[in-house]
């Protein structure tokens, strides 16, 4: 959907988790 590489997705997951938007457990 966004044309992102795997590493980009994991970076965004980490950042959104740090900001309190997501939980990655």
PDBML (XML) file of the C-alpha atoms, coordinates in Angstrom:
<?xml version="1.0" encoding="UTF-8" ?>
<PDBx:datablock datablockName="MODEL"
   xmlns:PDBx="http://pdbml.pdb.org/schema/pdbx-v50.xsd"
   xmlns:xsi="http://www.w3.org/2001/XMLSchema-instance"
   xsi:schemaLocation="http://pdbml.pdb.org/schema/pdbx-v50.xsd pdbx-v50.xsd">
   <PDBx:atom_siteCategory>
      <PDBx:atom_site id="1">
         <PDBx:B_iso_or_equiv>0.00</PDBx:B_iso_or_equiv>
         <PDBx:Cartn_x>0.000</PDBx:Cartn_x>
         <PDBx:Cartn_y>0.000</PDBx:Cartn_y>
         <PDBx:Cartn_z>0.000</PDBx:Cartn_z>
         <PDBx:auth_asym_id>A</PDBx:auth_asym_id>
         <PDBx:auth_atom_id>CA</PDBx:auth_atom_id>
         <PDBx:auth_comp_id>UNK</PDBx:auth_comp_id>
         <PDBx:auth_seq_id>1</PDBx:auth_seq_id>
         <PDBx:group_PDB>ATOM</PDBx:group_PDB>
         <PDBx:label_alt_id xsi:nil="true" />
         <PDBx:label_asym_id>A</PDBx:label_asym_id>
         <PDBx:label_atom_id>CA</PDBx:label_atom_id>
         <PDBx:label_comp_id>UNK</PDBx:label_comp_id>
         <PDBx:label_entity_id>1</PDBx:label_entity_id>
         <PDBx:label_seq_id>1</PDBx:label_seq_id>
         <PDBx:occupancy>1.00</PDBx:occupancy>
         <PDBx:pdbx_PDB_model_num>1</PDBx:pdbx_PDB_model_num>
         <PDBx:type_symbol>C</PDBx:type_symbol>
      </PDBx:atom_site>
      <PDBx:atom_site id="2">
         <PDBx:B_iso_or_equiv>0.00</PDBx:B_iso_or_equiv>
         <PDBx:Cartn_x>2.810</PDBx:Cartn_x>
         <PDBx:Cartn_y>2.444</PDBx:Cartn_y>
         <PDBx:Cartn_z>0.744</PDBx:Cartn_z>
         <PDBx:auth_asym_id>A</PDBx:auth_asym_id>
         <PDBx:auth_atom_id>CA</PDBx:auth_atom_id>
         <PDBx:auth_comp_id>UNK</PDBx:auth_comp_id>
         <PDBx:auth_seq_id>2</PDBx:auth_seq_id>
         <PDBx:group_PDB>ATOM</PDBx:group_PDB>
         <PDBx:label_alt_id xsi:nil="true" />
         <PDBx:label_asym_id>A</PDBx:label_asym_id>
         <PDBx:label_atom_id>CA</PDBx:label_atom_id>
         <PDBx:label_comp_id>UNK</PDBx:label_comp_id>
         <PDBx:label_entity_id>1</PDBx:label_entity_id>
         <PDBx:label_seq_id>2</PDBx:label_seq_id>
         <PDBx:occupancy>1.00</PDBx:occupancy>
         <PDBx:pdbx_PDB_model_num>1</PDBx:pdbx_PDB_model_num>
         <PDBx:type_symbol>C</PDBx:type_symbol>
      </PDBx:atom_site>
      <PDBx:atom_site id="3">
         <PDBx:B_iso_or_equiv>0.00</PDBx:B_iso_or_equiv>
         <PDBx:Cartn_x>5.803</PDBx:Cartn_x>
         <PDBx:Cartn_y>1.069</PDBx:Cartn_y>
         <PDBx:Cartn_z>-1.159</PDBx:Cartn_z>
         <PDBx:auth_asym_id>A</PDBx:auth_asym_id>
         <PDBx:auth_atom_id>CA</PDBx:auth_atom_id>
         <PDBx:auth_comp_id>UNK</PDBx:auth_comp_id>
         <PDBx:auth_seq_id>3</PDBx:auth_seq_id>
         <PDBx:group_PDB>ATOM</PDBx:group_PDB>
         <PDBx:label_alt_id xsi:nil="true" />
         <PDBx:label_asym_id>A</PDBx:label_asym_id>
         <PDBx:label_atom_id>CA</PDBx:label_atom_id>
         <PDBx:label_comp_id>UNK</PDBx:label_comp_id>
         <PDBx:label_entity_id>1</PDBx:label_entity_id>
         <PDBx:label_seq_id>3</PDBx:label_seq_id>
         <PDBx:occupancy>1.00</PDBx:occupancy>
         <PDBx:pdbx_PDB_model_num>1</PDBx:pdbx_PDB_model_num>
         <PDBx:type_symbol>C</PDBx:type_symbol>
      </PDBx:atom_site>
      <PDBx:atom_site id="4">
         <PDBx:B_iso_or_equiv>0.00</PDBx:B_iso_or_equiv>
         <PDBx:Cartn_x>7.827</PDBx:Cartn_x>
         <PDBx:Cartn_y>0.773</PDBx:Cartn_y>
         <PDBx:Cartn_z>2.061</PDBx:Cartn_z>
         <PDBx:auth_asym_id>A</PDBx:auth_asym_id>
         <PDBx:auth_atom_id>CA</PDBx:auth_atom_id>
         <PDBx:auth_comp_id>UNK</PDBx:auth_comp_id>
         <PDBx:auth_seq_id>4</PDBx:auth_seq_id>
         <PDBx:group_PDB>ATOM</PDBx:group_PDB>
         <PDBx:label_alt_id xsi:nil="true" />
         <PDBx:label_asym_id>A</PDBx:label_asym_id>
         <PDBx:label_atom_id>CA</PDBx:label_atom_id>
         <PDBx:label_comp_id>UNK</PDBx:label_comp_id>
         <PDBx:label_entity_id>1</PDBx:label_entity_id>
         <PDBx:label_seq_id>4</PDBx:label_seq_id>
         <PDBx:occupancy>1.00</PDBx:occupancy>
         <PDBx:pdbx_PDB_model_num>1</PDBx:pdbx_PDB_model_num>
         <PDBx:type_symbol>C</PDBx:type_symbol>
      </PDBx:atom_site>
      <PDBx:atom_site id="5">
         <PDBx:B_iso_or_equiv>0.00</PDBx:B_iso_or_equiv>
         <PDBx:Cartn_x>10.748</PDBx:Cartn_x>
         <PDBx:Cartn_y>-1.572</PDBx:Cartn_y>
         <PDBx:Cartn_z>2.640</PDBx:Cartn_z>
         <PDBx:auth_asym_id>A</PDBx:auth_asym_id>
         <PDBx:auth_atom_id>CA</PDBx:auth_atom_id>
         <PDBx:auth_comp_id>UNK</PDBx:auth_comp_id>
         <PDBx:auth_seq_id>5</PDBx:auth_seq_id>
         <PDBx:group_PDB>ATOM</PDBx:group_PDB>
         <PDBx:label_alt_id xsi:nil="true" />
         <PDBx:label_asym_id>A</PDBx:label_asym_id>
         <PDBx:label_atom_id>CA</PDBx:label_atom_id>
         <PDBx:label_comp_id>UNK</PDBx:label_comp_id>
         <PDBx:label_entity_id>1</PDBx:label_entity_id>
         <PDBx:label_seq_id>5</PDBx:label_seq_id>
         <PDBx:occupancy>1.00</PDBx:occupancy>
         <PDBx:pdbx_PDB_model_num>1</PDBx:pdbx_PDB_model_num>
         <PDBx:type_symbol>C</PDBx:type_symbol>
      </PDBx:atom_site>
      <PDBx:atom_site id="6">
         <PDBx:B_iso_or_equiv>0.00</PDBx:B_iso_or_equiv>
         <PDBx:Cartn_x>10.675</PDBx:Cartn_x>
         <PDBx:Cartn_y>-3.911</PDBx:Cartn_y>
         <PDBx:Cartn_z>5.618</PDBx:Cartn_z>
         <PDBx:auth_asym_id>A</PDBx:auth_asym_id>
         <PDBx:auth_atom_id>CA</PDBx:auth_atom_id>
         <PDBx:auth_comp_id>UNK</PDBx:auth_comp_id>
         <PDBx:auth_seq_id>6</PDBx:auth_seq_id>
         <PDBx:group_PDB>ATOM</PDBx:group_PDB>
         <PDBx:label_alt_id xsi:nil="true" />
         <PDBx:label_asym_id>A</PDBx:label_asym_id>
         <PDBx:label_atom_id>CA</PDBx:label_atom_id>
         <PDBx:label_comp_id>UNK</PDBx:label_comp_id>
         <PDBx:label_entity_id>1</PDBx:label_entity_id>
         <PDBx:label_seq_id>6</PDBx:label_seq_id>
         <PDBx:occupancy>1.00</PDBx:occupancy>
         <PDBx:pdbx_PDB_model_num>1</PDBx:pdbx_PDB_model_num>
         <PDBx:type_symbol>C</PDBx:type_symbol>
      </PDBx:atom_site>
      <PDBx:atom_site id="7">
         <PDBx:B_iso_or_equiv>0.00</PDBx:B_iso_or_equiv>
         <PDBx:Cartn_x>13.192</PDBx:Cartn_x>
         <PDBx:Cartn_y>-1.817</PDBx:Cartn_y>
         <PDBx:Cartn_z>7.548</PDBx:Cartn_z>
         <PDBx:auth_asym_id>A</PDBx:auth_asym_id>
         <PDBx:auth_atom_id>CA</PDBx:auth_atom_id>
         <PDBx:auth_comp_id>UNK</PDBx:auth_comp_id>
         <PDBx:auth_seq_id>7</PDBx:auth_seq_id>
         <PDBx:group_PDB>ATOM</PDBx:group_PDB>
         <PDBx:label_alt_id xsi:nil="true" />
         <PDBx:label_asym_id>A</PDBx:label_asym_id>
         <PDBx:label_atom_id>CA</PDBx:label_atom_id>
         <PDBx:label_comp_id>UNK</PDBx:label_comp_id>
         <PDBx:label_entity_id>1</PDBx:label_entity_id>
         <PDBx:label_seq_id>7</PDBx:label_seq_id>
         <PDBx:occupancy>1.00</PDBx:occupancy>
         <PDBx:pdbx_PDB_model_num>1</PDBx:pdbx_PDB_model_num>
         <PDBx:type_symbol>C</PDBx:type_symbol>
      </PDBx:atom_site>
      <PDBx:atom_site id="8">
         <PDBx:B_iso_or_equiv>0.00</PDBx:B_iso_or_equiv>
         <PDBx:Cartn_x>11.096</PDBx:Cartn_x>
         <PDBx:Cartn_y>1.328</PDBx:Cartn_y>
         <PDBx:Cartn_z>7.082</PDBx:Cartn_z>
         <PDBx:auth_asym_id>A</PDBx:auth_asym_id>
         <PDBx:auth_atom_id>CA</PDBx:auth_atom_id>
         <PDBx:auth_comp_id>UNK</PDBx:auth_comp_id>
         <PDBx:auth_seq_id>8</PDBx:auth_seq_id>
         <PDBx:group_PDB>ATOM</PDBx:group_PDB>
         <PDBx:label_alt_id xsi:nil="true" />
         <PDBx:label_asym_id>A</PDBx:label_asym_id>
         <PDBx:label_atom_id>CA</PDBx:label_atom_id>
         <PDBx:label_comp_id>UNK</PDBx:label_comp_id>
         <PDBx:label_entity_id>1</PDBx:label_entity_id>
         <PDBx:label_seq_id>8</PDBx:label_seq_id>
         <PDBx:occupancy>1.00</PDBx:occupancy>
         <PDBx:pdbx_PDB_model_num>1</PDBx:pdbx_PDB_model_num>
         <PDBx:type_symbol>C</PDBx:type_symbol>
      </PDBx:atom_site>
      <PDBx:atom_site id="9">
         <PDBx:B_iso_or_equiv>0.00</PDBx:B_iso_or_equiv>
         <PDBx:Cartn_x>8.032</PDBx:Cartn_x>
         <PDBx:Cartn_y>-0.433</PDBx:Cartn_y>
         <PDBx:Cartn_z>8.436</PDBx:Cartn_z>
         <PDBx:auth_asym_id>A</PDBx:auth_asym_id>
         <PDBx:auth_atom_id>CA</PDBx:auth_atom_id>
         <PDBx:auth_comp_id>UNK</PDBx:auth_comp_id>
         <PDBx:auth_seq_id>9</PDBx:auth_seq_id>
         <PDBx:group_PDB>ATOM</PDBx:group_PDB>
         <PDBx:label_alt_id xsi:nil="true" />
         <PDBx:label_asym_id>A</PDBx:label_asym_id>
         <PDBx:label_atom_id>CA</PDBx:label_atom_id>
         <PDBx:label_comp_id>UNK</PDBx:label_comp_id>
         <PDBx:label_entity_id>1</PDBx:label_entity_id>
         <PDBx:label_seq_id>9</PDBx:label_seq_id>
         <PDBx:occupancy>1.00</PDBx:occupancy>
         <PDBx:pdbx_PDB_model_num>1</PDBx:pdbx_PDB_model_num>
         <PDBx:type_symbol>C</PDBx:type_symbol>
      </PDBx:atom_site>
      <PDBx:atom_site id="10">
         <PDBx:B_iso_or_equiv>0.00</PDBx:B_iso_or_equiv>
         <PDBx:Cartn_x>9.875</PDBx:Cartn_x>
         <PDBx:Cartn_y>-1.660</PDBx:Cartn_y>
         <PDBx:Cartn_z>11.531</PDBx:Cartn_z>
         <PDBx:auth_asym_id>A</PDBx:auth_asym_id>
         <PDBx:auth_atom_id>CA</PDBx:auth_atom_id>
         <PDBx:auth_comp_id>UNK</PDBx:auth_comp_id>
         <PDBx:auth_seq_id>10</PDBx:auth_seq_id>
         <PDBx:group_PDB>ATOM</PDBx:group_PDB>
         <PDBx:label_alt_id xsi:nil="true" />
         <PDBx:label_asym_id>A</PDBx:label_asym_id>
         <PDBx:label_atom_id>CA</PDBx:label_atom_id>
         <PDBx:label_comp_id>UNK</PDBx:label_comp_id>
         <PDBx:label_entity_id>1</PDBx:label_entity_id>
         <PDBx:label_seq_id>10</PDBx:label_seq_id>
         <PDBx:occupancy>1.00</PDBx:occupancy>
         <PDBx:pdbx_PDB_model_num>1</PDBx:pdbx_PDB_model_num>
         <PDBx:type_symbol>C</PDBx:type_symbol>
      </PDBx:atom_site>
      <PDBx:atom_site id="11">
         <PDBx:B_iso_or_equiv>0.00</PDBx:B_iso_or_equiv>
         <PDBx:Cartn_x>11.238</PDBx:Cartn_x>
         <PDBx:Cartn_y>1.852</PDBx:Cartn_y>
         <PDBx:Cartn_z>12.128</PDBx:Cartn_z>
         <PDBx:auth_asym_id>A</PDBx:auth_asym_id>
         <PDBx:auth_atom_id>CA</PDBx:auth_atom_id>
         <PDBx:auth_comp_id>UNK</PDBx:auth_comp_id>
         <PDBx:auth_seq_id>11</PDBx:auth_seq_id>
         <PDBx:group_PDB>ATOM</PDBx:group_PDB>
         <PDBx:label_alt_id xsi:nil="true" />
         <PDBx:label_asym_id>A</PDBx:label_asym_id>
         <PDBx:label_atom_id>CA</PDBx:label_atom_id>
         <PDBx:label_comp_id>UNK</PDBx:label_comp_id>
         <PDBx:label_entity_id>1</PDBx:label_entity_id>
         <PDBx:label_seq_id>11</PDBx:label_seq_id>
         <PDBx:occupancy>1.00</PDBx:occupancy>
         <PDBx:pdbx_PDB_model_num>1</PDBx:pdbx_PDB_model_num>
         <PDBx:type_symbol>C</PDBx:type_symbol>
      </PDBx:atom_site>
      <PDBx:atom_site id="12">
         <PDBx:B_iso_or_equiv>0.00</PDBx:B_iso_or_equiv>
         <PDBx:Cartn_x>7.734</PDBx:Cartn_x>
         <PDBx:Cartn_y>3.337</PDBx:Cartn_y>
         <PDBx:Cartn_z>11.925</PDBx:Cartn_z>
         <PDBx:auth_asym_id>A</PDBx:auth_asym_id>
         <PDBx:auth_atom_id>CA</PDBx:auth_atom_id>
         <PDBx:auth_comp_id>UNK</PDBx:auth_comp_id>
         <PDBx:auth_seq_id>12</PDBx:auth_seq_id>
         <PDBx:group_PDB>ATOM</PDBx:group_PDB>
         <PDBx:label_alt_id xsi:nil="true" />
         <PDBx:label_asym_id>A</PDBx:label_asym_id>
         <PDBx:label_atom_id>CA</PDBx:label_atom_id>
         <PDBx:label_comp_id>UNK</PDBx:label_comp_id>
         <PDBx:label_entity_id>1</PDBx:label_entity_id>
         <PDBx:label_seq_id>12</PDBx:label_seq_id>
         <PDBx:occupancy>1.00</PDBx:occupancy>
         <PDBx:pdbx_PDB_model_num>1</PDBx:pdbx_PDB_model_num>
         <PDBx:type_symbol>C</PDBx:type_symbol>
      </PDBx:atom_site>
      <PDBx:atom_site id="13">
         <PDBx:B_iso_or_equiv>0.00</PDBx:B_iso_or_equiv>
         <PDBx:Cartn_x>6.346</PDBx:Cartn_x>
         <PDBx:Cartn_y>0.616</PDBx:Cartn_y>
         <PDBx:Cartn_z>14.229</PDBx:Cartn_z>
         <PDBx:auth_asym_id>A</PDBx:auth_asym_id>
         <PDBx:auth_atom_id>CA</PDBx:auth_atom_id>
         <PDBx:auth_comp_id>UNK</PDBx:auth_comp_id>
         <PDBx:auth_seq_id>13</PDBx:auth_seq_id>
         <PDBx:group_PDB>ATOM</PDBx:group_PDB>
         <PDBx:label_alt_id xsi:nil="true" />
         <PDBx:label_asym_id>A</PDBx:label_asym_id>
         <PDBx:label_atom_id>CA</PDBx:label_atom_id>
         <PDBx:label_comp_id>UNK</PDBx:label_comp_id>
         <PDBx:label_entity_id>1</PDBx:label_entity_id>
         <PDBx:label_seq_id>13</PDBx:label_seq_id>
         <PDBx:occupancy>1.00</PDBx:occupancy>
         <PDBx:pdbx_PDB_model_num>1</PDBx:pdbx_PDB_model_num>
         <PDBx:type_symbol>C</PDBx:type_symbol>
      </PDBx:atom_site>
      <PDBx:atom_site id="14">
         <PDBx:B_iso_or_equiv>0.00</PDBx:B_iso_or_equiv>
         <PDBx:Cartn_x>9.059</PDBx:Cartn_x>
         <PDBx:Cartn_y>1.476</PDBx:Cartn_y>
         <PDBx:Cartn_z>16.761</PDBx:Cartn_z>
         <PDBx:auth_asym_id>A</PDBx:auth_asym_id>
         <PDBx:auth_atom_id>CA</PDBx:auth_atom_id>
         <PDBx:auth_comp_id>UNK</PDBx:auth_comp_id>
         <PDBx:auth_seq_id>14</PDBx:auth_seq_id>
         <PDBx:group_PDB>ATOM</PDBx:group_PDB>
         <PDBx:label_alt_id xsi:nil="true" />
         <PDBx:label_asym_id>A</PDBx:label_asym_id>
         <PDBx:label_atom_id>CA</PDBx:label_atom_id>
         <PDBx:label_comp_id>UNK</PDBx:label_comp_id>
         <PDBx:label_entity_id>1</PDBx:label_entity_id>
         <PDBx:label_seq_id>14</PDBx:label_seq_id>
         <PDBx:occupancy>1.00</PDBx:occupancy>
         <PDBx:pdbx_PDB_model_num>1</PDBx:pdbx_PDB_model_num>
         <PDBx:type_symbol>C</PDBx:type_symbol>
      </PDBx:atom_site>
      <PDBx:atom_site id="15">
         <PDBx:B_iso_or_equiv>0.00</PDBx:B_iso_or_equiv>
         <PDBx:Cartn_x>8.434</PDBx:Cartn_x>
         <PDBx:Cartn_y>5.224</PDBx:Cartn_y>
         <PDBx:Cartn_z>16.540</PDBx:Cartn_z>
         <PDBx:auth_asym_id>A</PDBx:auth_asym_id>
         <PDBx:auth_atom_id>CA</PDBx:auth_atom_id>
         <PDBx:auth_comp_id>UNK</PDBx:auth_comp_id>
         <PDBx:auth_seq_id>15</PDBx:auth_seq_id>
         <PDBx:group_PDB>ATOM</PDBx:group_PDB>
         <PDBx:label_alt_id xsi:nil="true" />
         <PDBx:label_asym_id>A</PDBx:label_asym_id>
         <PDBx:label_atom_id>CA</PDBx:label_atom_id>
         <PDBx:label_comp_id>UNK</PDBx:label_comp_id>
         <PDBx:label_entity_id>1</PDBx:label_entity_id>
         <PDBx:label_seq_id>15</PDBx:label_seq_id>
         <PDBx:occupancy>1.00</PDBx:occupancy>
         <PDBx:pdbx_PDB_model_num>1</PDBx:pdbx_PDB_model_num>
         <PDBx:type_symbol>C</PDBx:type_symbol>
      </PDBx:atom_site>
      <PDBx:atom_site id="16">
         <PDBx:B_iso_or_equiv>0.00</PDBx:B_iso_or_equiv>
         <PDBx:Cartn_x>4.655</PDBx:Cartn_x>
         <PDBx:Cartn_y>4.891</PDBx:Cartn_y>
         <PDBx:Cartn_z>16.813</PDBx:Cartn_z>
         <PDBx:auth_asym_id>A</PDBx:auth_asym_id>
         <PDBx:auth_atom_id>CA</PDBx:auth_atom_id>
         <PDBx:auth_comp_id>UNK</PDBx:auth_comp_id>
         <PDBx:auth_seq_id>16</PDBx:auth_seq_id>
         <PDBx:group_PDB>ATOM</PDBx:group_PDB>
         <PDBx:label_alt_id xsi:nil="true" />
         <PDBx:label_asym_id>A</PDBx:label_asym_id>
         <PDBx:label_atom_id>CA</PDBx:label_atom_id>
         <PDBx:label_comp_id>UNK</PDBx:label_comp_id>
         <PDBx:label_entity_id>1</PDBx:label_entity_id>
         <PDBx:label_seq_id>16</PDBx:label_seq_id>
         <PDBx:occupancy>1.00</PDBx:occupancy>
         <PDBx:pdbx_PDB_model_num>1</PDBx:pdbx_PDB_model_num>
         <PDBx:type_symbol>C</PDBx:type_symbol>
      </PDBx:atom_site>
      <PDBx:atom_site id="17">
         <PDBx:B_iso_or_equiv>0.00</PDBx:B_iso_or_equiv>
         <PDBx:Cartn_x>5.110</PDBx:Cartn_x>
         <PDBx:Cartn_y>2.528</PDBx:Cartn_y>
         <PDBx:Cartn_z>19.766</PDBx:Cartn_z>
         <PDBx:auth_asym_id>A</PDBx:auth_asym_id>
         <PDBx:auth_atom_id>CA</PDBx:auth_atom_id>
         <PDBx:auth_comp_id>UNK</PDBx:auth_comp_id>
         <PDBx:auth_seq_id>17</PDBx:auth_seq_id>
         <PDBx:group_PDB>ATOM</PDBx:group_PDB>
         <PDBx:label_alt_id xsi:nil="true" />
         <PDBx:label_asym_id>A</PDBx:label_asym_id>
         <PDBx:label_atom_id>CA</PDBx:label_atom_id>
         <PDBx:label_comp_id>UNK</PDBx:label_comp_id>
         <PDBx:label_entity_id>1</PDBx:label_entity_id>
         <PDBx:label_seq_id>17</PDBx:label_seq_id>
         <PDBx:occupancy>1.00</PDBx:occupancy>
         <PDBx:pdbx_PDB_model_num>1</PDBx:pdbx_PDB_model_num>
         <PDBx:type_symbol>C</PDBx:type_symbol>
      </PDBx:atom_site>
      <PDBx:atom_site id="18">
         <PDBx:B_iso_or_equiv>0.00</PDBx:B_iso_or_equiv>
         <PDBx:Cartn_x>7.413</PDBx:Cartn_x>
         <PDBx:Cartn_y>5.034</PDBx:Cartn_y>
         <PDBx:Cartn_z>21.477</PDBx:Cartn_z>
         <PDBx:auth_asym_id>A</PDBx:auth_asym_id>
         <PDBx:auth_atom_id>CA</PDBx:auth_atom_id>
         <PDBx:auth_comp_id>UNK</PDBx:auth_comp_id>
         <PDBx:auth_seq_id>18</PDBx:auth_seq_id>
         <PDBx:group_PDB>ATOM</PDBx:group_PDB>
         <PDBx:label_alt_id xsi:nil="true" />
         <PDBx:label_asym_id>A</PDBx:label_asym_id>
         <PDBx:label_atom_id>CA</PDBx:label_atom_id>
         <PDBx:label_comp_id>UNK</PDBx:label_comp_id>
         <PDBx:label_entity_id>1</PDBx:label_entity_id>
         <PDBx:label_seq_id>18</PDBx:label_seq_id>
         <PDBx:occupancy>1.00</PDBx:occupancy>
         <PDBx:pdbx_PDB_model_num>1</PDBx:pdbx_PDB_model_num>
         <PDBx:type_symbol>C</PDBx:type_symbol>
      </PDBx:atom_site>
      <PDBx:atom_site id="19">
         <PDBx:B_iso_or_equiv>0.00</PDBx:B_iso_or_equiv>
         <PDBx:Cartn_x>4.784</PDBx:Cartn_x>
         <PDBx:Cartn_y>7.753</PDBx:Cartn_y>
         <PDBx:Cartn_z>20.985</PDBx:Cartn_z>
         <PDBx:auth_asym_id>A</PDBx:auth_asym_id>
         <PDBx:auth_atom_id>CA</PDBx:auth_atom_id>
         <PDBx:auth_comp_id>UNK</PDBx:auth_comp_id>
         <PDBx:auth_seq_id>19</PDBx:auth_seq_id>
         <PDBx:group_PDB>ATOM</PDBx:group_PDB>
         <PDBx:label_alt_id xsi:nil="true" />
         <PDBx:label_asym_id>A</PDBx:label_asym_id>
         <PDBx:label_atom_id>CA</PDBx:label_atom_id>
         <PDBx:label_comp_id>UNK</PDBx:label_comp_id>
         <PDBx:label_entity_id>1</PDBx:label_entity_id>
         <PDBx:label_seq_id>19</PDBx:label_seq_id>
         <PDBx:occupancy>1.00</PDBx:occupancy>
         <PDBx:pdbx_PDB_model_num>1</PDBx:pdbx_PDB_model_num>
         <PDBx:type_symbol>C</PDBx:type_symbol>
      </PDBx:atom_site>
      <PDBx:atom_site id="20">
         <PDBx:B_iso_or_equiv>0.00</PDBx:B_iso_or_equiv>
         <PDBx:Cartn_x>2.062</PDBx:Cartn_x>
         <PDBx:Cartn_y>5.580</PDBx:Cartn_y>
         <PDBx:Cartn_z>22.501</PDBx:Cartn_z>
         <PDBx:auth_asym_id>A</PDBx:auth_asym_id>
         <PDBx:auth_atom_id>CA</PDBx:auth_atom_id>
         <PDBx:auth_comp_id>UNK</PDBx:auth_comp_id>
         <PDBx:auth_seq_id>20</PDBx:auth_seq_id>
         <PDBx:group_PDB>ATOM</PDBx:group_PDB>
         <PDBx:label_alt_id xsi:nil="true" />
         <PDBx:label_asym_id>A</PDBx:label_asym_id>
         <PDBx:label_atom_id>CA</PDBx:label_atom_id>
         <PDBx:label_comp_id>UNK</PDBx:label_comp_id>
         <PDBx:label_entity_id>1</PDBx:label_entity_id>
         <PDBx:label_seq_id>20</PDBx:label_seq_id>
         <PDBx:occupancy>1.00</PDBx:occupancy>
         <PDBx:pdbx_PDB_model_num>1</PDBx:pdbx_PDB_model_num>
         <PDBx:type_symbol>C</PDBx:type_symbol>
      </PDBx:atom_site>
      <PDBx:atom_site id="21">
         <PDBx:B_iso_or_equiv>0.00</PDBx:B_iso_or_equiv>
         <PDBx:Cartn_x>0.067</PDBx:Cartn_x>
         <PDBx:Cartn_y>4.901</PDBx:Cartn_y>
         <PDBx:Cartn_z>19.333</PDBx:Cartn_z>
         <PDBx:auth_asym_id>A</PDBx:auth_asym_id>
         <PDBx:auth_atom_id>CA</PDBx:auth_atom_id>
         <PDBx:auth_comp_id>UNK</PDBx:auth_comp_id>
         <PDBx:auth_seq_id>21</PDBx:auth_seq_id>
         <PDBx:group_PDB>ATOM</PDBx:group_PDB>
         <PDBx:label_alt_id xsi:nil="true" />
         <PDBx:label_asym_id>A</PDBx:label_asym_id>
         <PDBx:label_atom_id>CA</PDBx:label_atom_id>
         <PDBx:label_comp_id>UNK</PDBx:label_comp_id>
         <PDBx:label_entity_id>1</PDBx:label_entity_id>
         <PDBx:label_seq_id>21</PDBx:label_seq_id>
         <PDBx:occupancy>1.00</PDBx:occupancy>
         <PDBx:pdbx_PDB_model_num>1</PDBx:pdbx_PDB_model_num>
         <PDBx:type_symbol>C</PDBx:type_symbol>
      </PDBx:atom_site>
      <PDBx:atom_site id="22">
         <PDBx:B_iso_or_equiv>0.00</PDBx:B_iso_or_equiv>
         <PDBx:Cartn_x>0.898</PDBx:Cartn_x>
         <PDBx:Cartn_y>1.199</PDBx:Cartn_y>
         <PDBx:Cartn_z>18.962</PDBx:Cartn_z>
         <PDBx:auth_asym_id>A</PDBx:auth_asym_id>
         <PDBx:auth_atom_id>CA</PDBx:auth_atom_id>
         <PDBx:auth_comp_id>UNK</PDBx:auth_comp_id>
         <PDBx:auth_seq_id>22</PDBx:auth_seq_id>
         <PDBx:group_PDB>ATOM</PDBx:group_PDB>
         <PDBx:label_alt_id xsi:nil="true" />
         <PDBx:label_asym_id>A</PDBx:label_asym_id>
         <PDBx:label_atom_id>CA</PDBx:label_atom_id>
         <PDBx:label_comp_id>UNK</PDBx:label_comp_id>
         <PDBx:label_entity_id>1</PDBx:label_entity_id>
         <PDBx:label_seq_id>22</PDBx:label_seq_id>
         <PDBx:occupancy>1.00</PDBx:occupancy>
         <PDBx:pdbx_PDB_model_num>1</PDBx:pdbx_PDB_model_num>
         <PDBx:type_symbol>C</PDBx:type_symbol>
      </PDBx:atom_site>
      <PDBx:atom_site id="23">
         <PDBx:B_iso_or_equiv>0.00</PDBx:B_iso_or_equiv>
         <PDBx:Cartn_x>1.712</PDBx:Cartn_x>
         <PDBx:Cartn_y>-1.826</PDBx:Cartn_y>
         <PDBx:Cartn_z>21.057</PDBx:Cartn_z>
         <PDBx:auth_asym_id>A</PDBx:auth_asym_id>
         <PDBx:auth_atom_id>CA</PDBx:auth_atom_id>
         <PDBx:auth_comp_id>UNK</PDBx:auth_comp_id>
         <PDBx:auth_seq_id>23</PDBx:auth_seq_id>
         <PDBx:group_PDB>ATOM</PDBx:group_PDB>
         <PDBx:label_alt_id xsi:nil="true" />
         <PDBx:label_asym_id>A</PDBx:label_asym_id>
         <PDBx:label_atom_id>CA</PDBx:label_atom_id>
         <PDBx:label_comp_id>UNK</PDBx:label_comp_id>
         <PDBx:label_entity_id>1</PDBx:label_entity_id>
         <PDBx:label_seq_id>23</PDBx:label_seq_id>
         <PDBx:occupancy>1.00</PDBx:occupancy>
         <PDBx:pdbx_PDB_model_num>1</PDBx:pdbx_PDB_model_num>
         <PDBx:type_symbol>C</PDBx:type_symbol>
      </PDBx:atom_site>
      <PDBx:atom_site id="24">
         <PDBx:B_iso_or_equiv>0.00</PDBx:B_iso_or_equiv>
         <PDBx:Cartn_x>4.088</PDBx:Cartn_x>
         <PDBx:Cartn_y>-4.369</PDBx:Cartn_y>
         <PDBx:Cartn_z>19.529</PDBx:Cartn_z>
         <PDBx:auth_asym_id>A</PDBx:auth_asym_id>
         <PDBx:auth_atom_id>CA</PDBx:auth_atom_id>
         <PDBx:auth_comp_id>UNK</PDBx:auth_comp_id>
         <PDBx:auth_seq_id>24</PDBx:auth_seq_id>
         <PDBx:group_PDB>ATOM</PDBx:group_PDB>
         <PDBx:label_alt_id xsi:nil="true" />
         <PDBx:label_asym_id>A</PDBx:label_asym_id>
         <PDBx:label_atom_id>CA</PDBx:label_atom_id>
         <PDBx:label_comp_id>UNK</PDBx:label_comp_id>
         <PDBx:label_entity_id>1</PDBx:label_entity_id>
         <PDBx:label_seq_id>24</PDBx:label_seq_id>
         <PDBx:occupancy>1.00</PDBx:occupancy>
         <PDBx:pdbx_PDB_model_num>1</PDBx:pdbx_PDB_model_num>
         <PDBx:type_symbol>C</PDBx:type_symbol>
      </PDBx:atom_site>
      <PDBx:atom_site id="25">
         <PDBx:B_iso_or_equiv>0.00</PDBx:B_iso_or_equiv>
         <PDBx:Cartn_x>4.087</PDBx:Cartn_x>
         <PDBx:Cartn_y>-7.408</PDBx:Cartn_y>
         <PDBx:Cartn_z>21.764</PDBx:Cartn_z>
         <PDBx:auth_asym_id>A</PDBx:auth_asym_id>
         <PDBx:auth_atom_id>CA</PDBx:auth_atom_id>
         <PDBx:auth_comp_id>UNK</PDBx:auth_comp_id>
         <PDBx:auth_seq_id>25</PDBx:auth_seq_id>
         <PDBx:group_PDB>ATOM</PDBx:group_PDB>
         <PDBx:label_alt_id xsi:nil="true" />
         <PDBx:label_asym_id>A</PDBx:label_asym_id>
         <PDBx:label_atom_id>CA</PDBx:label_atom_id>
         <PDBx:label_comp_id>UNK</PDBx:label_comp_id>
         <PDBx:label_entity_id>1</PDBx:label_entity_id>
         <PDBx:label_seq_id>25</PDBx:label_seq_id>
         <PDBx:occupancy>1.00</PDBx:occupancy>
         <PDBx:pdbx_PDB_model_num>1</PDBx:pdbx_PDB_model_num>
         <PDBx:type_symbol>C</PDBx:type_symbol>
      </PDBx:atom_site>
   </PDBx:atom_siteCategory>
</PDBx:datablock>
